[in-house]
Amino acid sequence: MKDEKNIEKRAYRGEAERKIITNRINRIEGQLHGIKKMIQEDKECNDILVQLSAVQNSVKSLSNLILEGHLYTCVANDVERGNLEIVDELINLFKKFNK
Protein backbone atom coordinates (compact mmCIF):
# COMPACT_ATOMS: atom_id res chain seq x y z
CA MET A 1 0.00 0.00 0.00
CA LYS A 2 1.45 3.35 -1.04
CA ASP A 3 1.57 6.27 1.34
CA GLU A 4 -0.60 8.97 -0.25
CA LYS A 5 1.75 11.71 0.96
CA ASN A 6 4.53 10.27 -1.24
CA ILE A 7 2.40 10.28 -4.39
CA GLU A 8 3.37 13.02 -6.82
CA LYS A 9 0.52 15.44 -7.33
CA ARG A 10 -0.18 16.40 -10.91
CA ALA A 11 -2.57 18.84 -12.51
CA TYR A 12 -4.00 17.76 -15.81
CA ARG A 13 -4.63 20.72 -18.06
CA GLY A 14 -6.30 20.62 -21.40
CA GLU A 15 -4.49 21.71 -24.53
CA ALA A 16 -6.34 25.05 -24.65
CA GLU A 17 -5.43 25.88 -21.04
CA ARG A 18 -1.78 24.90 -21.59
CA LYS A 19 -1.69 27.13 -24.67
CA ILE A 20 -3.09 30.13 -22.77
CA ILE A 21 -0.60 29.65 -19.92
CA THR A 22 2.32 29.11 -22.30
CA ASN A 23 1.42 32.24 -24.27
CA ARG A 24 1.35 34.30 -21.08
CA ILE A 25 4.71 32.90 -19.97
CA ASN A 26 6.18 33.67 -23.39
CA ARG A 27 4.90 37.24 -23.10
CA ILE A 28 6.47 37.58 -19.62
CA GLU A 29 9.75 36.21 -20.94
CA GLY A 30 9.60 38.78 -23.73
CA GLN A 31 9.00 41.57 -21.22
CA LEU A 32 11.98 40.41 -19.15
CA HIS A 33 14.16 40.21 -22.24
CA GLY A 34 13.13 43.78 -23.07
CA ILE A 35 14.08 44.93 -19.58
CA LYS A 36 17.46 43.21 -19.87
CA LYS A 37 18.03 45.02 -23.15
CA MET A 38 17.02 48.33 -21.55
CA ILE A 39 19.60 47.76 -18.80
CA GLN A 40 22.29 46.96 -21.36
CA GLU A 41 21.41 50.12 -23.30
CA ASP A 42 21.47 52.28 -20.13
CA LYS A 43 17.84 53.35 -20.48
CA GLU A 44 16.24 55.64 -17.90
CA CYS A 45 15.50 54.08 -14.50
CA ASN A 46 11.91 55.33 -14.64
CA ASP A 47 11.26 53.51 -17.93
CA ILE A 48 12.77 50.30 -16.54
CA LEU A 49 10.68 50.55 -13.38
CA VAL A 50 7.52 50.98 -15.45
CA GLN A 51 8.39 47.81 -17.37
CA LEU A 52 9.16 45.94 -14.14
CA SER A 53 5.74 46.94 -12.85
CA ALA A 54 4.19 45.56 -16.04
CA VAL A 55 6.01 42.25 -15.49
CA GLN A 56 4.78 42.09 -11.90
CA ASN A 57 1.21 42.63 -13.08
CA SER A 58 1.60 39.97 -15.77
CA VAL A 59 2.93 37.44 -13.26
CA LYS A 60 0.11 38.23 -10.81
CA SER A 61 -2.43 37.80 -13.57
CA LEU A 62 -0.93 34.44 -14.52
CA SER A 63 -0.86 33.38 -10.86
CA ASN A 64 -4.53 34.27 -10.49
CA LEU A 65 -5.41 32.31 -13.63
CA ILE A 66 -3.63 29.21 -12.34
CA LEU A 67 -5.08 29.67 -8.84
CA GLU A 68 -8.59 29.85 -10.27
CA GLY A 69 -8.03 26.62 -12.19
CA HIS A 70 -6.59 25.00 -9.07
CA LEU A 71 -9.66 25.92 -7.02
CA TYR A 72 -12.15 24.70 -9.62
CA THR A 73 -10.36 21.43 -10.33
CA CYS A 74 -7.77 20.17 -7.86
CA VAL A 75 -9.33 21.61 -4.71
CA ALA A 76 -12.91 20.75 -5.71
CA ASN A 77 -11.86 17.17 -6.52
CA ASP A 78 -10.05 16.75 -3.19
CA VAL A 79 -13.04 18.08 -1.24
CA GLU A 80 -15.37 15.72 -3.13
CA ARG A 81 -13.10 12.81 -2.14
CA GLY A 82 -13.20 13.94 1.48
CA ASN A 83 -9.57 15.14 1.56
CA LEU A 84 -9.95 18.14 3.82
CA GLU A 85 -6.15 18.48 4.20
CA ILE A 86 -6.47 20.55 1.05
CA VAL A 87 -7.78 23.36 3.26
CA ASP A 88 -4.43 23.50 5.12
CA GLU A 89 -2.65 23.48 1.76
CA LEU A 90 -4.79 26.40 0.59
CA ILE A 91 -4.16 28.37 3.77
CA ASN A 92 -0.40 27.96 3.28
CA LEU A 93 -0.75 28.88 -0.37
CA PHE A 94 -2.62 32.09 0.44
CA LYS A 95 0.00 32.97 3.06
CA LYS A 96 2.70 32.67 0.38
CA PHE A 97 0.59 34.72 -2.04
CA ASN A 98 0.22 37.54 0.46
CA LYS A 99 3.88 37.98 1.41
PDB file of N, CA and C in Angstrom:
ATOM      1  N   MET A   1       0.845  -1.189   0.000  1.00  0.00           N
ATOM      2  CA  MET A   1       0.000   0.000   0.000  1.00  0.00           C
ATOM      3  C   MET A   1       0.884   1.243   0.000  1.00  0.00           C
ATOM      4  N   LYS A   2       0.661   2.137  -0.922  1.00  0.00           N
ATOM      5  CA  LYS A   2       1.453   3.353  -1.036  1.00  0.00           C
ATOM      6  C   LYS A   2       0.949   4.411  -0.069  1.00  0.00           C
ATOM      7  N   ASP A   3       1.898   5.128   0.497  1.00  0.00           N
ATOM      8  CA  ASP A   3       1.572   6.266   1.340  1.00  0.00           C
ATOM      9  C   ASP A   3       1.139   7.418   0.436  1.00  0.00           C
ATOM     10  N   GLU A   4      -0.073   7.930   0.629  1.00  0.00           N
ATOM     11  CA  GLU A   4      -0.605   8.972  -0.254  1.00  0.00           C
ATOM     12  C   GLU A   4       0.220  10.250  -0.208  1.00  0.00           C
ATOM     13  N   LYS A   5       0.939  10.498   0.870  1.00  0.00           N
ATOM     14  CA  LYS A   5       1.753  11.708   0.964  1.00  0.00           C
ATOM     15  C   LYS A   5       2.949  11.634   0.033  1.00  0.00           C
ATOM     16  N   ASN A   6       3.373  10.430  -0.366  1.00  0.00           N
ATOM     17  CA  ASN A   6       4.528  10.272  -1.241  1.00  0.00           C
ATOM     18  C   ASN A   6       4.139  10.234  -2.718  1.00  0.00           C
ATOM     19  N   ILE A   7       2.860  10.301  -3.004  1.00  0.00           N
ATOM     20  CA  ILE A   7       2.402  10.282  -4.386  1.00  0.00           C
ATOM     21  C   ILE A   7       2.567  11.673  -4.976  1.00  0.00           C
ATOM     22  N   GLU A   8       3.170  11.737  -6.150  1.00  0.00           N
ATOM     23  CA  GLU A   8       3.370  13.022  -6.816  1.00  0.00           C
ATOM     24  C   GLU A   8       2.027  13.567  -7.267  1.00  0.00           C
ATOM     25  N   LYS A   9       1.757  14.792  -6.889  1.00  0.00           N
ATOM     26  CA  LYS A   9       0.525  15.439  -7.325  1.00  0.00           C
ATOM     27  C   LYS A   9       0.747  15.990  -8.718  1.00  0.00           C
ATOM     28  N   ARG A  10      -0.262  15.883  -9.542  1.00  0.00           N
ATOM     29  CA  ARG A  10      -0.176  16.398 -10.907  1.00  0.00           C
ATOM     30  C   ARG A  10      -1.493  17.084 -11.244  1.00  0.00           C
ATOM     31  N   ALA A  11      -1.379  18.151 -12.001  1.00  0.00           N
ATOM     32  CA  ALA A  11      -2.571  18.838 -12.508  1.00  0.00           C
ATOM     33  C   ALA A  11      -2.665  18.530 -13.987  1.00  0.00           C
ATOM     34  N   TYR A  12      -3.806  18.077 -14.402  1.00  0.00           N
ATOM     35  CA  TYR A  12      -4.002  17.761 -15.814  1.00  0.00           C
ATOM     36  C   TYR A  12      -4.752  18.910 -16.466  1.00  0.00           C
ATOM     37  N   ARG A  13      -4.049  19.578 -17.366  1.00  0.00           N
ATOM     38  CA  ARG A  13      -4.631  20.719 -18.060  1.00  0.00           C
ATOM     39  C   ARG A  13      -4.919  20.326 -19.493  1.00  0.00           C
ATOM     40  N   GLY A  14      -5.985  20.852 -20.008  1.00  0.00           N
ATOM     41  CA  GLY A  14      -6.301  20.620 -21.402  1.00  0.00           C
ATOM     42  C   GLY A  14      -5.361  21.409 -22.297  1.00  0.00           C
ATOM     43  N   GLU A  15      -5.369  21.059 -23.557  1.00  0.00           N
ATOM     44  CA  GLU A  15      -4.486  21.710 -24.529  1.00  0.00           C
ATOM     45  C   GLU A  15      -4.747  23.215 -24.597  1.00  0.00           C
ATOM     46  N   ALA A  16      -6.000  23.618 -24.567  1.00  0.00           N
ATOM     47  CA  ALA A  16      -6.338  25.048 -24.647  1.00  0.00           C
ATOM     48  C   ALA A  16      -5.787  25.808 -23.440  1.00  0.00           C
ATOM     49  N   GLU A  17      -5.935  25.227 -22.254  1.00  0.00           N
ATOM     50  CA  GLU A  17      -5.430  25.882 -21.042  1.00  0.00           C
ATOM     51  C   GLU A  17      -3.908  25.968 -21.064  1.00  0.00           C
ATOM     52  N   ARG A  18      -3.248  24.889 -21.480  1.00  0.00           N
ATOM     53  CA  ARG A  18      -1.784  24.903 -21.591  1.00  0.00           C
ATOM     54  C   ARG A  18      -1.324  25.979 -22.566  1.00  0.00           C
ATOM     55  N   LYS A  19      -2.055  26.135 -23.667  1.00  0.00           N
ATOM     56  CA  LYS A  19      -1.688  27.134 -24.672  1.00  0.00           C
ATOM     57  C   LYS A  19      -1.810  28.547 -24.102  1.00  0.00           C
ATOM     58  N   ILE A  20      -2.889  28.815 -23.378  1.00  0.00           N
ATOM     59  CA  ILE A  20      -3.087  30.133 -22.767  1.00  0.00           C
ATOM     60  C   ILE A  20      -1.962  30.428 -21.776  1.00  0.00           C
ATOM     61  N   ILE A  21      -1.652  29.464 -20.925  1.00  0.00           N
ATOM     62  CA  ILE A  21      -0.596  29.648 -19.919  1.00  0.00           C
ATOM     63  C   ILE A  21       0.753  29.834 -20.598  1.00  0.00           C
ATOM     64  N   THR A  22       1.044  29.014 -21.582  1.00  0.00           N
ATOM     65  CA  THR A  22       2.320  29.108 -22.299  1.00  0.00           C
ATOM     66  C   THR A  22       2.457  30.453 -22.994  1.00  0.00           C
ATOM     67  N   ASN A  23       1.386  30.934 -23.615  1.00  0.00           N
ATOM     68  CA  ASN A  23       1.423  32.241 -24.274  1.00  0.00           C
ATOM     69  C   ASN A  23       1.711  33.359 -23.272  1.00  0.00           C
ATOM     70  N   ARG A  24       1.103  33.270 -22.106  1.00  0.00           N
ATOM     71  CA  ARG A  24       1.349  34.301 -21.085  1.00  0.00           C
ATOM     72  C   ARG A  24       2.791  34.241 -20.593  1.00  0.00           C
ATOM     73  N   ILE A  25       3.316  33.042 -20.401  1.00  0.00           N
ATOM     74  CA  ILE A  25       4.710  32.901 -19.970  1.00  0.00           C
ATOM     75  C   ILE A  25       5.645  33.444 -21.043  1.00  0.00           C
ATOM     76  N   ASN A  26       5.357  33.150 -22.293  1.00  0.00           N
ATOM     77  CA  ASN A  26       6.176  33.675 -23.390  1.00  0.00           C
ATOM     78  C   ASN A  26       6.170  35.204 -23.396  1.00  0.00           C
ATOM     79  N   ARG A  27       5.011  35.788 -23.134  1.00  0.00           N
ATOM     80  CA  ARG A  27       4.895  37.244 -23.097  1.00  0.00           C
ATOM     81  C   ARG A  27       5.738  37.804 -21.946  1.00  0.00           C
ATOM     82  N   ILE A  28       5.679  37.144 -20.780  1.00  0.00           N
ATOM     83  CA  ILE A  28       6.466  37.581 -19.618  1.00  0.00           C
ATOM     84  C   ILE A  28       7.958  37.469 -19.923  1.00  0.00           C
ATOM     85  N   GLU A  29       8.344  36.365 -20.549  1.00  0.00           N
ATOM     86  CA  GLU A  29       9.748  36.209 -20.939  1.00  0.00           C
ATOM     87  C   GLU A  29      10.176  37.328 -21.887  1.00  0.00           C
ATOM     88  N   GLY A  30       9.304  37.693 -22.806  1.00  0.00           N
ATOM     89  CA  GLY A  30       9.595  38.782 -23.734  1.00  0.00           C
ATOM     90  C   GLY A  30       9.755  40.106 -22.997  1.00  0.00           C
ATOM     91  N   GLN A  31       8.896  40.339 -22.014  1.00  0.00           N
ATOM     92  CA  GLN A  31       8.998  41.565 -21.221  1.00  0.00           C
ATOM     93  C   GLN A  31      10.333  41.598 -20.474  1.00  0.00           C
ATOM     94  N   LEU A  32      10.716  40.474 -19.881  1.00  0.00           N
ATOM     95  CA  LEU A  32      11.982  40.407 -19.146  1.00  0.00           C
ATOM     96  C   LEU A  32      13.171  40.599 -20.077  1.00  0.00           C
ATOM     97  N   HIS A  33      13.100  40.024 -21.254  1.00  0.00           N
ATOM     98  CA  HIS A  33      14.164  40.212 -22.244  1.00  0.00           C
ATOM     99  C   HIS A  33      14.282  41.691 -22.609  1.00  0.00           C
ATOM    100  N   GLY A  34      13.131  42.352 -22.761  1.00  0.00           N
ATOM    101  CA  GLY A  34      13.127  43.777 -23.068  1.00  0.00           C
ATOM    102  C   GLY A  34      13.762  44.593 -21.954  1.00  0.00           C
ATOM    103  N   ILE A  35      13.490  44.224 -20.719  1.00  0.00           N
ATOM    104  CA  ILE A  35      14.081  44.925 -19.577  1.00  0.00           C
ATOM    105  C   ILE A  35      15.593  44.715 -19.554  1.00  0.00           C
ATOM    106  N   LYS A  36      16.023  43.504 -19.819  1.00  0.00           N
ATOM    107  CA  LYS A  36      17.455  43.214 -19.865  1.00  0.00           C
ATOM    108  C   LYS A  36      18.140  44.077 -20.926  1.00  0.00           C
ATOM    109  N   LYS A  37      17.493  44.205 -22.067  1.00  0.00           N
ATOM    110  CA  LYS A  37      18.034  45.022 -23.152  1.00  0.00           C
ATOM    111  C   LYS A  37      18.079  46.498 -22.734  1.00  0.00           C
ATOM    112  N   MET A  38      17.041  46.953 -22.028  1.00  0.00           N
ATOM    113  CA  MET A  38      17.016  48.329 -21.552  1.00  0.00           C
ATOM    114  C   MET A  38      18.182  48.600 -20.602  1.00  0.00           C
ATOM    115  N   ILE A  39      18.475  47.633 -19.737  1.00  0.00           N
ATOM    116  CA  ILE A  39      19.596  47.765 -18.797  1.00  0.00           C
ATOM    117  C   ILE A  39      20.904  47.867 -19.578  1.00  0.00           C
ATOM    118  N   GLN A  40      21.062  46.975 -20.559  1.00  0.00           N
ATOM    119  CA  GLN A  40      22.289  46.956 -21.356  1.00  0.00           C
ATOM    120  C   GLN A  40      22.466  48.246 -22.148  1.00  0.00           C
ATOM    121  N   GLU A  41      21.361  48.882 -22.512  1.00  0.00           N
ATOM    122  CA  GLU A  41      21.408  50.120 -23.295  1.00  0.00           C
ATOM    123  C   GLU A  41      21.357  51.371 -22.420  1.00  0.00           C
ATOM    124  N   ASP A  42      21.468  51.170 -21.091  1.00  0.00           N
ATOM    125  CA  ASP A  42      21.474  52.280 -20.131  1.00  0.00           C
ATOM    126  C   ASP A  42      20.246  53.182 -20.249  1.00  0.00           C
ATOM    127  N   LYS A  43      19.091  52.578 -20.401  1.00  0.00           N
ATOM    128  CA  LYS A  43      17.842  53.351 -20.478  1.00  0.00           C
ATOM    129  C   LYS A  43      17.530  53.966 -19.106  1.00  0.00           C
ATOM    130  N   GLU A  44      16.645  54.936 -19.119  1.00  0.00           N
ATOM    131  CA  GLU A  44      16.240  55.643 -17.904  1.00  0.00           C
ATOM    132  C   GLU A  44      15.661  54.681 -16.868  1.00  0.00           C
ATOM    133  N   CYS A  45      16.006  54.918 -15.603  1.00  0.00           N
ATOM    134  CA  CYS A  45      15.499  54.085 -14.503  1.00  0.00           C
ATOM    135  C   CYS A  45      13.973  54.073 -14.469  1.00  0.00           C
ATOM    136  N   ASN A  46      13.362  55.228 -14.678  1.00  0.00           N
ATOM    137  CA  ASN A  46      11.906  55.335 -14.642  1.00  0.00           C
ATOM    138  C   ASN A  46      11.263  54.398 -15.669  1.00  0.00           C
ATOM    139  N   ASP A  47      11.803  54.372 -16.877  1.00  0.00           N
ATOM    140  CA  ASP A  47      11.256  53.507 -17.929  1.00  0.00           C
ATOM    141  C   ASP A  47      11.404  52.033 -17.557  1.00  0.00           C
ATOM    142  N   ILE A  48      12.532  51.692 -16.967  1.00  0.00           N
ATOM    143  CA  ILE A  48      12.768  50.302 -16.540  1.00  0.00           C
ATOM    144  C   ILE A  48      11.800  49.920 -15.429  1.00  0.00           C
ATOM    145  N   LEU A  49      11.604  50.826 -14.484  1.00  0.00           N
ATOM    146  CA  LEU A  49      10.681  50.553 -13.379  1.00  0.00           C
ATOM    147  C   LEU A  49       9.252  50.363 -13.871  1.00  0.00           C
ATOM    148  N   VAL A  50       8.854  51.128 -14.861  1.00  0.00           N
ATOM    149  CA  VAL A  50       7.517  50.975 -15.447  1.00  0.00           C
ATOM    150  C   VAL A  50       7.383  49.576 -16.060  1.00  0.00           C
ATOM    151  N   GLN A  51       8.418  49.143 -16.757  1.00  0.00           N
ATOM    152  CA  GLN A  51       8.386  47.810 -17.372  1.00  0.00           C
ATOM    153  C   GLN A  51       8.401  46.710 -16.314  1.00  0.00           C
ATOM    154  N   LEU A  52       9.153  46.915 -15.238  1.00  0.00           N
ATOM    155  CA  LEU A  52       9.156  45.935 -14.141  1.00  0.00           C
ATOM    156  C   LEU A  52       7.779  45.824 -13.505  1.00  0.00           C
ATOM    157  N   SER A  53       7.098  46.953 -13.378  1.00  0.00           N
ATOM    158  CA  SER A  53       5.735  46.938 -12.852  1.00  0.00           C
ATOM    159  C   SER A  53       4.809  46.149 -13.770  1.00  0.00           C
ATOM    160  N   ALA A  54       4.999  46.312 -15.071  1.00  0.00           N
ATOM    161  CA  ALA A  54       4.187  45.561 -16.042  1.00  0.00           C
ATOM    162  C   ALA A  54       4.434  44.061 -15.901  1.00  0.00           C
ATOM    163  N   VAL A  55       5.693  43.671 -15.674  1.00  0.00           N
ATOM    164  CA  VAL A  55       6.009  42.251 -15.491  1.00  0.00           C
ATOM    165  C   VAL A  55       5.341  41.730 -14.223  1.00  0.00           C
ATOM    166  N   GLN A  56       5.424  42.509 -13.145  1.00  0.00           N
ATOM    167  CA  GLN A  56       4.777  42.091 -11.897  1.00  0.00           C
ATOM    168  C   GLN A  56       3.281  41.860 -12.106  1.00  0.00           C
ATOM    169  N   ASN A  57       2.643  42.774 -12.811  1.00  0.00           N
ATOM    170  CA  ASN A  57       1.211  42.631 -13.075  1.00  0.00           C
ATOM    171  C   ASN A  57       0.920  41.406 -13.937  1.00  0.00           C
ATOM    172  N   SER A  58       1.777  41.146 -14.902  1.00  0.00           N
ATOM    173  CA  SER A  58       1.599  39.973 -15.765  1.00  0.00           C
ATOM    174  C   SER A  58       1.741  38.680 -14.968  1.00  0.00           C
ATOM    175  N   VAL A  59       2.722  38.639 -14.080  1.00  0.00           N
ATOM    176  CA  VAL A  59       2.935  37.444 -13.257  1.00  0.00           C
ATOM    177  C   VAL A  59       1.760  37.250 -12.299  1.00  0.00           C
ATOM    178  N   LYS A  60       1.277  38.338 -11.698  1.00  0.00           N
ATOM    179  CA  LYS A  60       0.114  38.233 -10.806  1.00  0.00           C
ATOM    180  C   LYS A  60      -1.105  37.728 -11.558  1.00  0.00           C
ATOM    181  N   SER A  61      -1.308  38.228 -12.757  1.00  0.00           N
ATOM    182  CA  SER A  61      -2.433  37.801 -13.567  1.00  0.00           C
ATOM    183  C   SER A  61      -2.327  36.310 -13.889  1.00  0.00           C
ATOM    184  N   LEU A  62      -1.146  35.860 -14.246  1.00  0.00           N
ATOM    185  CA  LEU A  62      -0.931  34.436 -14.518  1.00  0.00           C
ATOM    186  C   LEU A  62      -1.163  33.608 -13.254  1.00  0.00           C
ATOM    187  N   SER A  63      -0.659  34.082 -12.134  1.00  0.00           N
ATOM    188  CA  SER A  63      -0.865  33.376 -10.858  1.00  0.00           C
ATOM    189  C   SER A  63      -2.345  33.245 -10.543  1.00  0.00           C
ATOM    190  N   ASN A  64      -3.085  34.317 -10.756  1.00  0.00           N
ATOM    191  CA  ASN A  64      -4.528  34.272 -10.494  1.00  0.00           C
ATOM    192  C   ASN A  64      -5.243  33.303 -11.421  1.00  0.00           C
ATOM    193  N   LEU A  65      -4.830  33.245 -12.673  1.00  0.00           N
ATOM    194  CA  LEU A  65      -5.415  32.306 -13.626  1.00  0.00           C
ATOM    195  C   LEU A  65      -5.179  30.861 -13.173  1.00  0.00           C
ATOM    196  N   ILE A  66      -3.951  30.571 -12.780  1.00  0.00           N
ATOM    197  CA  ILE A  66      -3.628  29.211 -12.339  1.00  0.00           C
ATOM    198  C   ILE A  66      -4.313  28.892 -11.016  1.00  0.00           C
ATOM    199  N   LEU A  67      -4.384  29.866 -10.114  1.00  0.00           N
ATOM    200  CA  LEU A  67      -5.084  29.670  -8.842  1.00  0.00           C
ATOM    201  C   LEU A  67      -6.560  29.362  -9.074  1.00  0.00           C
ATOM    202  N   GLU A  68      -7.179  30.081  -9.966  1.00  0.00           N
ATOM    203  CA  GLU A  68      -8.594  29.847 -10.269  1.00  0.00           C
ATOM    204  C   GLU A  68      -8.799  28.417 -10.778  1.00  0.00           C
ATOM    205  N   GLY A  69      -7.946  27.987 -11.694  1.00  0.00           N
ATOM    206  CA  GLY A  69      -8.030  26.619 -12.189  1.00  0.00           C
ATOM    207  C   GLY A  69      -7.819  25.601 -11.082  1.00  0.00           C
ATOM    208  N   HIS A  70      -6.885  25.890 -10.197  1.00  0.00           N
ATOM    209  CA  HIS A  70      -6.592  25.002  -9.068  1.00  0.00           C
ATOM    210  C   HIS A  70      -7.815  24.849  -8.167  1.00  0.00           C
ATOM    211  N   LEU A  71      -8.476  25.967  -7.895  1.00  0.00           N
ATOM    212  CA  LEU A  71      -9.656  25.923  -7.023  1.00  0.00           C
ATOM    213  C   LEU A  71     -10.795  25.138  -7.656  1.00  0.00           C
ATOM    214  N   TYR A  72     -11.038  25.364  -8.946  1.00  0.00           N
ATOM    215  CA  TYR A  72     -12.154  24.695  -9.616  1.00  0.00           C
ATOM    216  C   TYR A  72     -11.892  23.217  -9.897  1.00  0.00           C
ATOM    217  N   THR A  73     -10.639  22.822  -9.990  1.00  0.00           N
ATOM    218  CA  THR A  73     -10.356  21.428 -10.331  1.00  0.00           C
ATOM    219  C   THR A  73      -9.740  20.667  -9.158  1.00  0.00           C
ATOM    220  N   CYS A  74      -8.499  20.929  -8.873  1.00  0.00           N
ATOM    221  CA  CYS A  74      -7.767  20.172  -7.857  1.00  0.00           C
ATOM    222  C   CYS A  74      -8.438  20.237  -6.489  1.00  0.00           C
ATOM    223  N   VAL A  75      -8.743  21.447  -6.032  1.00  0.00           N
ATOM    224  CA  VAL A  75      -9.331  21.612  -4.707  1.00  0.00           C
ATOM    225  C   VAL A  75     -10.731  21.006  -4.670  1.00  0.00           C
ATOM    226  N   ALA A  76     -11.538  21.296  -5.678  1.00  0.00           N
ATOM    227  CA  ALA A  76     -12.906  20.751  -5.713  1.00  0.00           C
ATOM    228  C   ALA A  76     -12.880  19.223  -5.709  1.00  0.00           C
ATOM    229  N   ASN A  77     -11.960  18.631  -6.481  1.00  0.00           N
ATOM    230  CA  ASN A  77     -11.861  17.165  -6.518  1.00  0.00           C
ATOM    231  C   ASN A  77     -11.444  16.596  -5.171  1.00  0.00           C
ATOM    232  N   ASP A  78     -10.487  17.233  -4.510  1.00  0.00           N
ATOM    233  CA  ASP A  78     -10.052  16.753  -3.191  1.00  0.00           C
ATOM    234  C   ASP A  78     -11.179  16.842  -2.174  1.00  0.00           C
ATOM    235  N   VAL A  79     -11.925  17.927  -2.183  1.00  0.00           N
ATOM    236  CA  VAL A  79     -13.037  18.082  -1.243  1.00  0.00           C
ATOM    237  C   VAL A  79     -14.102  17.022  -1.511  1.00  0.00           C
ATOM    238  N   GLU A  80     -14.401  16.760  -2.783  1.00  0.00           N
ATOM    239  CA  GLU A  80     -15.372  15.716  -3.129  1.00  0.00           C
ATOM    240  C   GLU A  80     -14.930  14.346  -2.617  1.00  0.00           C
ATOM    241  N   ARG A  81     -13.623  14.095  -2.627  1.00  0.00           N
ATOM    242  CA  ARG A  81     -13.101  12.809  -2.145  1.00  0.00           C
ATOM    243  C   ARG A  81     -12.933  12.782  -0.627  1.00  0.00           C
ATOM    244  N   GLY A  82     -13.277  13.889   0.019  1.00  0.00           N
ATOM    245  CA  GLY A  82     -13.195  13.936   1.476  1.00  0.00           C
ATOM    246  C   GLY A  82     -11.813  14.299   2.001  1.00  0.00           C
ATOM    247  N   ASN A  83     -10.908  14.727   1.142  1.00  0.00           N
ATOM    248  CA  ASN A  83      -9.574  15.137   1.564  1.00  0.00           C
ATOM    249  C   ASN A  83      -9.615  16.591   2.015  1.00  0.00           C
ATOM    250  N   LEU A  84      -9.846  16.785   3.296  1.00  0.00           N
ATOM    251  CA  LEU A  84      -9.946  18.140   3.820  1.00  0.00           C
ATOM    252  C   LEU A  84      -8.583  18.725   4.173  1.00  0.00           C
ATOM    253  N   GLU A  85      -7.503  17.947   4.018  1.00  0.00           N
ATOM    254  CA  GLU A  85      -6.150  18.479   4.198  1.00  0.00           C
ATOM    255  C   GLU A  85      -5.860  19.558   3.163  1.00  0.00           C
ATOM    256  N   ILE A  86      -6.631  19.546   2.098  1.00  0.00           N
ATOM    257  CA  ILE A  86      -6.465  20.545   1.053  1.00  0.00           C
ATOM    258  C   ILE A  86      -6.706  21.951   1.607  1.00  0.00           C
ATOM    259  N   VAL A  87      -7.517  22.060   2.649  1.00  0.00           N
ATOM    260  CA  VAL A  87      -7.777  23.365   3.262  1.00  0.00           C
ATOM    261  C   VAL A  87      -6.488  23.914   3.866  1.00  0.00           C
ATOM    262  N   ASP A  88      -5.720  23.065   4.569  1.00  0.00           N
ATOM    263  CA  ASP A  88      -4.430  23.502   5.125  1.00  0.00           C
ATOM    264  C   ASP A  88      -3.480  23.917   4.006  1.00  0.00           C
ATOM    265  N   GLU A  89      -3.493  23.150   2.914  1.00  0.00           N
ATOM    266  CA  GLU A  89      -2.648  23.476   1.764  1.00  0.00           C
ATOM    267  C   GLU A  89      -3.022  24.844   1.199  1.00  0.00           C
ATOM    268  N   LEU A  90      -4.323  25.104   1.106  1.00  0.00           N
ATOM    269  CA  LEU A  90      -4.788  26.397   0.591  1.00  0.00           C
ATOM    270  C   LEU A  90      -4.405  27.547   1.512  1.00  0.00           C
ATOM    271  N   ILE A  91      -4.529  27.329   2.810  1.00  0.00           N
ATOM    272  CA  ILE A  91      -4.155  28.371   3.770  1.00  0.00           C
ATOM    273  C   ILE A  91      -2.683  28.725   3.597  1.00  0.00           C
ATOM    274  N   ASN A  92      -1.826  27.712   3.489  1.00  0.00           N
ATOM    275  CA  ASN A  92      -0.397  27.957   3.279  1.00  0.00           C
ATOM    276  C   ASN A  92      -0.144  28.650   1.944  1.00  0.00           C
ATOM    277  N   LEU A  93      -0.888  28.256   0.928  1.00  0.00           N
ATOM    278  CA  LEU A  93      -0.749  28.880  -0.375  1.00  0.00           C
ATOM    279  C   LEU A  93      -1.115  30.364  -0.331  1.00  0.00           C
ATOM    280  N   PHE A  94      -2.220  30.690   0.330  1.00  0.00           N
ATOM    281  CA  PHE A  94      -2.621  32.094   0.442  1.00  0.00           C
ATOM    282  C   PHE A  94      -1.623  32.899   1.258  1.00  0.00           C
ATOM    283  N   LYS A  95      -1.028  32.287   2.279  1.00  0.00           N
ATOM    284  CA  LYS A  95       0.002  32.975   3.063  1.00  0.00           C
ATOM    285  C   LYS A  95       1.192  33.322   2.168  1.00  0.00           C
ATOM    286  N   LYS A  96       1.592  32.414   1.289  1.00  0.00           N
ATOM    287  CA  LYS A  96       2.695  32.671   0.382  1.00  0.00           C
ATOM    288  C   LYS A  96       2.318  33.755  -0.620  1.00  0.00           C
ATOM    289  N   PHE A  97       1.077  33.732  -1.067  1.00  0.00           N
ATOM    290  CA  PHE A  97       0.589  34.716  -2.040  1.00  0.00           C
ATOM    291  C   PHE A  97       0.607  36.123  -1.451  1.00  0.00           C
ATOM    292  N   ASN A  98       0.375  36.221  -0.163  1.00  0.00           N
ATOM    293  CA  ASN A  98       0.220  37.537   0.455  1.00  0.00           C
ATOM    294  C   ASN A  98       1.479  38.058   1.131  1.00  0.00           C
ATOM    295  N   LYS A  99       2.619  37.485   0.828  1.00  0.00           N
ATOM    296  CA  LYS A  99       3.882  37.984   1.410  1.00  0.00           C
ATOM    297  C   LYS A  99       4.313  39.233   0.717  1.00  0.00           C
TER     298      LYS A  99
END
